[in-house]
Amino acid sequence: ELTIGHSRVVAIRTRSGNDVSDIFMREMDALLANNLIELALGTNAGAVPSSLDWRYNSPVNESALGFHVGLGDGSRCAHVDFMCPSQDSYDSFFKVRE
């Protein structure tokens, strides 16, 4: 779980609820550590999350329907993508608000 407030990372927690924010931030450049570098909407309906190989960060994984955000610029520190491949999140983005 990635918690974001005012375009900055507030907390990073594992699926089991462990706070790993400090571990992650130690690997990042101090200026970039908790700034969002990338926000993207995946539009590839053919990239089925259950069939993707999540051991590798690839354009195919990033293109799966849903959202992803990236931290770090990849040159001064690591670039890490947090992905939420979800048809529901994709659909809600395009849902007409009344």
N, C-alpha and C. Protein backbone atom coordinates (compact mmCIF):
# COMPACT_ATOMS: atom_id res chain seq x y z
N GLU A 1 0.84 -1.17 0.00
CA GLU A 1 0.00 0.00 0.00
C GLU A 1 0.89 1.23 0.00
N LEU A 2 0.64 2.10 -0.93
CA LEU A 2 1.39 3.34 -1.06
C LEU A 2 0.45 4.47 -0.69
N THR A 3 0.79 5.21 0.35
CA THR A 3 -0.03 6.34 0.77
C THR A 3 0.63 7.62 0.30
N ILE A 4 -0.15 8.43 -0.43
CA ILE A 4 0.36 9.66 -1.01
C ILE A 4 -0.47 10.83 -0.51
N GLY A 5 0.20 11.90 -0.13
CA GLY A 5 -0.48 13.12 0.27
C GLY A 5 0.27 14.32 -0.28
N HIS A 6 -0.42 15.20 -0.98
CA HIS A 6 0.20 16.40 -1.56
C HIS A 6 1.38 16.04 -2.47
N SER A 7 1.18 15.01 -3.30
CA SER A 7 2.18 14.55 -4.27
C SER A 7 3.46 14.02 -3.64
N ARG A 8 3.39 13.61 -2.40
CA ARG A 8 4.57 13.05 -1.72
C ARG A 8 4.18 11.74 -1.05
N VAL A 9 5.14 10.85 -0.95
CA VAL A 9 4.91 9.57 -0.29
C VAL A 9 4.83 9.80 1.21
N VAL A 10 3.77 9.31 1.80
CA VAL A 10 3.58 9.41 3.25
C VAL A 10 3.99 8.09 3.91
N ALA A 11 3.62 6.96 3.29
CA ALA A 11 3.94 5.66 3.86
C ALA A 11 3.92 4.59 2.78
N ILE A 12 4.74 3.56 2.99
CA ILE A 12 4.76 2.38 2.13
C ILE A 12 4.62 1.17 3.05
N ARG A 13 3.57 0.39 2.82
CA ARG A 13 3.30 -0.78 3.66
C ARG A 13 3.18 -2.03 2.79
N THR A 14 3.63 -3.14 3.34
CA THR A 14 3.50 -4.42 2.64
C THR A 14 2.05 -4.89 2.73
N ARG A 15 1.76 -5.93 2.01
CA ARG A 15 0.42 -6.51 2.03
C ARG A 15 0.03 -6.94 3.44
N SER A 16 1.02 -7.36 4.24
CA SER A 16 0.73 -7.80 5.61
C SER A 16 0.68 -6.63 6.60
N GLY A 17 0.91 -5.39 6.11
CA GLY A 17 0.78 -4.22 6.98
C GLY A 17 2.08 -3.69 7.55
N ASN A 18 3.21 -4.33 7.25
CA ASN A 18 4.49 -3.85 7.76
C ASN A 18 4.89 -2.55 7.08
N ASP A 19 5.30 -1.56 7.86
CA ASP A 19 5.74 -0.28 7.31
C ASP A 19 7.19 -0.42 6.83
N VAL A 20 7.40 -0.28 5.53
CA VAL A 20 8.74 -0.41 4.95
C VAL A 20 9.23 0.93 4.39
N SER A 21 8.63 2.02 4.81
CA SER A 21 8.97 3.34 4.31
C SER A 21 10.45 3.65 4.50
N ASP A 22 10.98 3.42 5.70
CA ASP A 22 12.38 3.74 5.97
C ASP A 22 13.33 2.92 5.10
N ILE A 23 13.04 1.64 4.92
CA ILE A 23 13.88 0.78 4.10
C ILE A 23 13.93 1.31 2.67
N PHE A 24 12.78 1.65 2.14
CA PHE A 24 12.70 2.14 0.78
C PHE A 24 13.40 3.50 0.64
N MET A 25 13.15 4.41 1.56
CA MET A 25 13.71 5.76 1.46
C MET A 25 15.24 5.77 1.57
N ARG A 26 15.82 4.82 2.26
CA ARG A 26 17.28 4.74 2.35
C ARG A 26 17.93 4.49 0.99
N GLU A 27 17.20 3.88 0.07
CA GLU A 27 17.72 3.57 -1.26
C GLU A 27 17.53 4.70 -2.26
N MET A 28 16.85 5.75 -1.84
CA MET A 28 16.50 6.84 -2.75
C MET A 28 17.36 8.07 -2.51
N ASP A 29 17.49 8.90 -3.52
CA ASP A 29 18.14 10.19 -3.41
C ASP A 29 17.30 11.06 -2.48
N ALA A 30 17.92 11.77 -1.56
CA ALA A 30 17.18 12.55 -0.56
C ALA A 30 16.21 13.55 -1.20
N LEU A 31 16.57 14.14 -2.32
CA LEU A 31 15.69 15.11 -2.96
C LEU A 31 14.52 14.47 -3.68
N LEU A 32 14.69 13.22 -4.09
CA LEU A 32 13.67 12.56 -4.91
C LEU A 32 12.90 11.47 -4.17
N ALA A 33 13.32 11.13 -2.99
CA ALA A 33 12.82 9.94 -2.30
C ALA A 33 11.31 9.86 -2.22
N ASN A 34 10.67 10.93 -1.85
CA ASN A 34 9.23 10.80 -1.67
C ASN A 34 8.44 11.69 -2.61
N ASN A 35 9.04 12.05 -3.74
CA ASN A 35 8.33 12.80 -4.77
C ASN A 35 7.86 11.86 -5.87
N LEU A 36 6.65 12.04 -6.32
CA LEU A 36 6.16 11.25 -7.43
C LEU A 36 6.83 11.73 -8.71
N ILE A 37 7.46 10.83 -9.41
CA ILE A 37 8.14 11.14 -10.66
C ILE A 37 7.22 10.83 -11.84
N GLU A 38 6.36 9.86 -11.64
CA GLU A 38 5.56 9.36 -12.76
C GLU A 38 4.18 8.97 -12.25
N LEU A 39 3.17 9.29 -13.03
CA LEU A 39 1.81 8.84 -12.79
C LEU A 39 1.27 8.44 -14.15
N ALA A 40 0.83 7.20 -14.29
CA ALA A 40 0.41 6.72 -15.60
C ALA A 40 -0.84 5.86 -15.50
N LEU A 41 -1.55 5.82 -16.60
CA LEU A 41 -2.75 5.01 -16.74
C LEU A 41 -2.45 3.94 -17.77
N GLY A 42 -2.52 2.67 -17.36
CA GLY A 42 -2.31 1.57 -18.29
C GLY A 42 -3.56 1.33 -19.11
N THR A 43 -3.40 1.12 -20.41
CA THR A 43 -4.55 0.97 -21.31
C THR A 43 -4.53 -0.33 -22.11
N ASN A 44 -3.62 -1.24 -21.79
CA ASN A 44 -3.48 -2.47 -22.56
C ASN A 44 -4.40 -3.56 -22.01
N ALA A 45 -5.56 -3.71 -22.63
CA ALA A 45 -6.52 -4.72 -22.17
C ALA A 45 -6.00 -6.13 -22.36
N GLY A 46 -5.00 -6.31 -23.22
CA GLY A 46 -4.42 -7.63 -23.45
C GLY A 46 -3.42 -8.05 -22.39
N ALA A 47 -2.98 -7.12 -21.55
CA ALA A 47 -2.03 -7.44 -20.48
C ALA A 47 -2.82 -7.88 -19.26
N VAL A 48 -3.09 -9.16 -19.18
CA VAL A 48 -3.90 -9.71 -18.09
C VAL A 48 -3.02 -9.88 -16.85
N PRO A 49 -3.33 -9.19 -15.74
CA PRO A 49 -2.47 -9.23 -14.56
C PRO A 49 -2.11 -10.63 -14.08
N SER A 50 -3.03 -11.57 -14.16
CA SER A 50 -2.75 -12.92 -13.66
C SER A 50 -1.74 -13.67 -14.54
N SER A 51 -1.52 -13.20 -15.77
CA SER A 51 -0.58 -13.90 -16.65
C SER A 51 0.75 -13.17 -16.80
N LEU A 52 0.92 -12.00 -16.15
CA LEU A 52 2.16 -11.25 -16.25
C LEU A 52 3.22 -11.82 -15.32
N ASP A 53 4.47 -11.69 -15.71
CA ASP A 53 5.58 -12.13 -14.86
C ASP A 53 6.03 -10.92 -14.04
N TRP A 54 5.60 -10.86 -12.79
CA TRP A 54 5.83 -9.70 -11.94
C TRP A 54 7.24 -9.63 -11.38
N ARG A 55 8.08 -10.63 -11.69
CA ARG A 55 9.48 -10.56 -11.25
C ARG A 55 10.26 -9.54 -12.06
N TYR A 56 9.73 -9.13 -13.18
CA TYR A 56 10.41 -8.19 -14.06
C TYR A 56 9.54 -6.96 -14.25
N ASN A 57 10.16 -5.80 -14.20
CA ASN A 57 9.44 -4.56 -14.47
C ASN A 57 9.57 -4.29 -15.96
N SER A 58 8.50 -4.40 -16.65
CA SER A 58 8.56 -4.23 -18.09
C SER A 58 7.44 -3.32 -18.58
N PRO A 59 7.58 -2.79 -19.78
CA PRO A 59 6.51 -1.98 -20.34
C PRO A 59 5.19 -2.73 -20.43
N VAL A 60 5.24 -4.05 -20.58
CA VAL A 60 4.00 -4.82 -20.64
C VAL A 60 3.29 -4.76 -19.29
N ASN A 61 4.04 -4.96 -18.20
CA ASN A 61 3.43 -4.89 -16.87
C ASN A 61 2.85 -3.51 -16.62
N GLU A 62 3.60 -2.47 -16.97
CA GLU A 62 3.15 -1.10 -16.75
C GLU A 62 1.92 -0.76 -17.58
N SER A 63 1.73 -1.45 -18.68
CA SER A 63 0.62 -1.11 -19.57
C SER A 63 -0.69 -1.79 -19.20
N ALA A 64 -0.68 -2.71 -18.23
CA ALA A 64 -1.91 -3.40 -17.83
C ALA A 64 -2.96 -2.38 -17.39
N LEU A 65 -4.22 -2.67 -17.69
CA LEU A 65 -5.29 -1.75 -17.32
C LEU A 65 -5.20 -1.39 -15.84
N GLY A 66 -5.18 -0.12 -15.54
CA GLY A 66 -5.10 0.36 -14.17
C GLY A 66 -4.15 1.54 -14.09
N PHE A 67 -3.59 1.75 -12.92
CA PHE A 67 -2.72 2.89 -12.67
C PHE A 67 -1.36 2.43 -12.17
N HIS A 68 -0.37 3.28 -12.36
CA HIS A 68 0.88 3.07 -11.64
C HIS A 68 1.54 4.43 -11.40
N VAL A 69 2.30 4.47 -10.31
CA VAL A 69 3.08 5.65 -9.97
C VAL A 69 4.53 5.21 -9.82
N GLY A 70 5.44 6.12 -10.12
CA GLY A 70 6.85 5.82 -10.01
C GLY A 70 7.56 6.82 -9.12
N LEU A 71 8.51 6.31 -8.36
CA LEU A 71 9.34 7.14 -7.49
C LEU A 71 10.79 7.00 -7.94
N GLY A 72 11.57 8.04 -7.78
CA GLY A 72 12.98 8.00 -8.16
C GLY A 72 13.16 8.19 -9.65
N ASP A 73 14.25 8.82 -10.05
CA ASP A 73 14.44 9.17 -11.46
C ASP A 73 15.21 8.12 -12.27
N GLY A 74 15.77 7.12 -11.62
CA GLY A 74 16.48 6.07 -12.35
C GLY A 74 17.92 6.41 -12.69
N SER A 75 18.36 7.64 -12.46
CA SER A 75 19.76 7.97 -12.71
C SER A 75 20.49 8.33 -11.42
N ARG A 76 19.88 9.16 -10.59
CA ARG A 76 20.50 9.51 -9.31
C ARG A 76 20.12 8.52 -8.21
N CYS A 77 19.07 7.78 -8.44
CA CYS A 77 18.63 6.76 -7.48
C CYS A 77 17.74 5.79 -8.23
N ALA A 78 17.33 4.76 -7.55
CA ALA A 78 16.47 3.75 -8.18
C ALA A 78 15.16 4.37 -8.65
N HIS A 79 14.58 3.79 -9.68
CA HIS A 79 13.23 4.15 -10.11
C HIS A 79 12.37 2.92 -9.82
N VAL A 80 11.36 3.10 -9.01
CA VAL A 80 10.50 1.98 -8.63
C VAL A 80 9.07 2.33 -8.98
N ASP A 81 8.40 1.42 -9.69
CA ASP A 81 7.00 1.59 -10.03
C ASP A 81 6.13 0.81 -9.06
N PHE A 82 5.07 1.44 -8.62
CA PHE A 82 4.04 0.78 -7.82
C PHE A 82 2.83 0.67 -8.73
N MET A 83 2.42 -0.58 -9.01
CA MET A 83 1.36 -0.79 -9.99
C MET A 83 0.10 -1.32 -9.34
N CYS A 84 -1.02 -0.84 -9.87
CA CYS A 84 -2.33 -1.30 -9.44
C CYS A 84 -3.10 -1.70 -10.70
N PRO A 85 -2.84 -2.90 -11.21
CA PRO A 85 -3.56 -3.33 -12.41
C PRO A 85 -4.98 -3.74 -12.02
N SER A 86 -5.93 -2.95 -12.44
CA SER A 86 -7.30 -3.20 -12.02
C SER A 86 -8.27 -2.64 -13.05
N GLN A 87 -9.10 -3.49 -13.56
CA GLN A 87 -10.15 -3.05 -14.50
C GLN A 87 -11.05 -2.02 -13.81
N ASP A 88 -11.37 -2.25 -12.53
CA ASP A 88 -12.24 -1.32 -11.80
C ASP A 88 -11.63 0.08 -11.69
N SER A 89 -10.32 0.16 -11.38
CA SER A 89 -9.70 1.47 -11.26
C SER A 89 -9.63 2.16 -12.62
N TYR A 90 -9.39 1.38 -13.66
CA TYR A 90 -9.37 1.94 -15.02
C TYR A 90 -10.75 2.48 -15.37
N ASP A 91 -11.78 1.68 -15.14
CA ASP A 91 -13.15 2.09 -15.45
C ASP A 91 -13.56 3.33 -14.67
N SER A 92 -13.16 3.39 -13.39
CA SER A 92 -13.56 4.54 -12.57
C SER A 92 -12.93 5.83 -13.06
N PHE A 93 -11.76 5.74 -13.68
CA PHE A 93 -11.11 6.93 -14.22
C PHE A 93 -11.93 7.55 -15.33
N PHE A 94 -12.54 6.70 -16.15
CA PHE A 94 -13.30 7.17 -17.30
C PHE A 94 -14.80 7.30 -17.04
N LYS A 95 -15.21 6.96 -15.83
CA LYS A 95 -16.63 7.03 -15.49
C LYS A 95 -17.11 8.47 -15.55
N VAL A 96 -18.24 8.67 -16.18
CA VAL A 96 -18.81 10.01 -16.28
C VAL A 96 -19.40 10.41 -14.93
N ARG A 97 -18.97 11.56 -14.44
CA ARG A 97 -19.47 12.07 -13.16
C ARG A 97 -20.73 12.90 -13.42
N GLU A 98 -21.75 12.67 -12.66
CA GLU A 98 -22.99 13.44 -12.83
C GLU A 98 -23.10 14.50 -11.77
